[in-house]
C-alpha atoms as a PDB file:
ATOM      1  CA  MET A   1     -18.362 231.378 -77.170  1.00  0.00           C
ATOM      2  CA  PRO A   2     -14.718 232.387 -77.533  1.00  0.00           C
ATOM      3  CA  GLU A   3     -13.913 236.021 -76.810  1.00  0.00           C
ATOM      4  CA  THR A   4     -11.519 236.095 -79.879  1.00  0.00           C
ATOM      5  CA  VAL A   5     -11.312 234.251 -83.186  1.00  0.00           C
ATOM      6  CA  ILE A   6      -7.796 234.278 -85.276  1.00  0.00           C
ATOM      7  CA  GLU A   7      -8.791 233.447 -88.906  1.00  0.00           C
ATOM      8  CA  VAL A   8      -5.838 232.478 -91.160  1.00  0.00           C
ATOM      9  CA  VAL A   9      -6.831 232.808 -94.811  1.00  0.00           C
ATOM     10  CA  SER A  10      -6.834 229.970 -96.915  1.00  0.00           C
ATOM     11  CA  LYS A  11      -6.277 230.311-100.797  1.00  0.00           C
ATOM     12  CA  GLY A  12      -9.584 230.054-102.337  1.00  0.00           C
ATOM     13  CA  TYR A  13     -11.555 231.217 -99.410  1.00  0.00           C
ATOM     14  CA  GLU A  14     -10.587 234.829 -99.246  1.00  0.00           C
ATOM     15  CA  ALA A  15     -13.789 236.265 -99.667  1.00  0.00           C
ATOM     16  CA  LYS A  16     -15.078 234.001 -96.887  1.00  0.00           C
ATOM     17  CA  ASP A  17     -12.595 234.705 -94.397  1.00  0.00           C
ATOM     18  CA  PHE A  18     -12.415 238.522 -95.200  1.00  0.00           C
ATOM     19  CA  GLU A  19     -15.993 239.388 -95.999  1.00  0.00           C
ATOM     20  CA  ILE A  20     -18.607 236.681 -94.341  1.00  0.00           C
ATOM     21  CA  GLY A  21     -16.605 235.518 -91.138  1.00  0.00           C
ATOM     22  CA  PRO A  22     -15.903 238.670 -89.047  1.00  0.00           C
ATOM     23  CA  SER A  23     -19.633 239.635 -89.392  1.00  0.00           C
ATOM     24  CA  PHE A  24     -20.858 236.247 -88.451  1.00  0.00           C
ATOM     25  CA  TYR A  25     -18.530 235.871 -85.565  1.00  0.00           C
ATOM     26  CA  LEU A  26     -19.586 239.361 -84.074  1.00  0.00           C
ATOM     27  CA  SER A  27     -23.099 238.586 -84.483  1.00  0.00           C
ATOM     28  CA  GLN A  28     -22.387 235.361 -82.074  1.00  0.00           C
ATOM     29  CA  GLY A  29     -20.860 237.547 -79.417  1.00  0.00           C
ATOM     30  CA  VAL A  30     -17.022 237.237 -80.442  1.00  0.00           C
ATOM     31  CA  LYS A  31     -15.516 240.608 -79.262  1.00  0.00           C
ATOM     32  CA  ASP A  32     -12.214 240.501 -81.501  1.00  0.00           C
ATOM     33  CA  VAL A  33     -11.857 238.857 -84.734  1.00  0.00           C
ATOM     34  CA  VAL A  34      -8.639 238.978 -86.603  1.00  0.00           C
ATOM     35  CA  VAL A  35      -7.779 237.655 -90.081  1.00  0.00           C
ATOM     36  CA  PHE A  36      -4.640 237.021 -91.371  1.00  0.00           C
ATOM     37  CA  ASP A  37      -3.454 236.366 -95.065  1.00  0.00           C
ATOM     38  CA  PRO A  38       0.012 234.989 -94.785  1.00  0.00           C
ATOM     39  CA  ALA A  39       0.281 235.575 -98.788  1.00  0.00           C
ATOM     40  CA  THR A  40      -0.147 239.202 -98.493  1.00  0.00           C
ATOM     41  CA  LEU A  41       0.886 239.812 -94.459  1.00  0.00           C
ATOM     42  CA  LEU A  42      -2.451 241.691 -94.128  1.00  0.00           C
ATOM     43  CA  VAL A  43      -3.882 241.645 -90.622  1.00  0.00           C
ATOM     44  CA  LEU A  44      -7.470 242.666 -90.247  1.00  0.00           C
ATOM     45  CA  HIS A  45      -8.804 243.386 -86.601  1.00  0.00           C
ATOM     46  CA  VAL A  46     -12.418 243.606 -86.466  1.00  0.00           C
ATOM     47  CA  ARG A  47     -14.330 244.674 -83.368  1.00  0.00           C
ATOM     48  CA  ARG A  48     -18.139 246.097 -83.178  1.00  0.00           C
ATOM     49  CA  ASP A  49     -16.477 249.576 -82.824  1.00  0.00           C
ATOM     50  CA  GLY A  50     -14.413 249.429 -85.882  1.00  0.00           C
ATOM     51  CA  VAL A  51     -11.863 247.801 -88.333  1.00  0.00           C
ATOM     52  CA  THR A  52      -8.242 247.988 -88.391  1.00  0.00           C
ATOM     53  CA  ARG A  53      -5.828 247.117 -91.175  1.00  0.00           C
ATOM     54  CA  ALA A  54      -2.195 246.620 -90.506  1.00  0.00           C
ATOM     55  CA  VAL A  55       0.862 244.559 -91.927  1.00  0.00           C
ATOM     56  CA  SER A  56       2.491 241.612 -90.109  1.00  0.00           C
ATOM     57  CA  PRO A  57       3.867 241.491 -87.407  1.00  0.00           C
ATOM     58  CA  GLN A  58       1.197 243.366 -85.483  1.00  0.00           C
ATOM     59  CA  LEU A  59       0.786 243.401 -81.755  1.00  0.00           C
ATOM     60  CA  ILE A  60      -3.084 243.241 -80.961  1.00  0.00           C
ATOM     61  CA  GLU A  61      -4.346 244.442 -77.756  1.00  0.00           C
ATOM     62  CA  LEU A  62      -7.655 242.489 -77.318  1.00  0.00           C
ATOM     63  CA  GLU A  63     -10.764 243.305 -75.360  1.00  0.00           C
ATOM     64  CA  CYS A  64     -10.323 240.383 -73.187  1.00  0.00           C
ATOM     65  CA  GLY A  65      -6.828 241.816 -71.944  1.00  0.00           C
ATOM     66  CA  CYS A  66      -4.890 239.739 -73.606  1.00  0.00           C
ATOM     67  CA  SER A  67      -2.502 240.545 -76.296  1.00  0.00           C
ATOM     68  CA  CYS A  68      -1.263 238.392 -79.615  1.00  0.00           C
ATOM     69  CA  GLU A  69       1.105 239.061 -82.196  1.00  0.00           C
ATOM     70  CA  VAL A  70       0.133 237.978 -85.745  1.00  0.00           C
END
């Protein structure tokens, strides 16, 4: 199981990527879910303890100890 999933939103799949995907990944044990929409530059970072919304570029500290810039 991956520690982190980074999802890039595809046109026509916005609802799946933003609404269904994060809760599914968390239910499977993924610690961090990052969803990026290149059309709006929205960065959604979802963890078990909360959700953060930001605008790209955004440096994200992951629970595994790594960081990524989206």
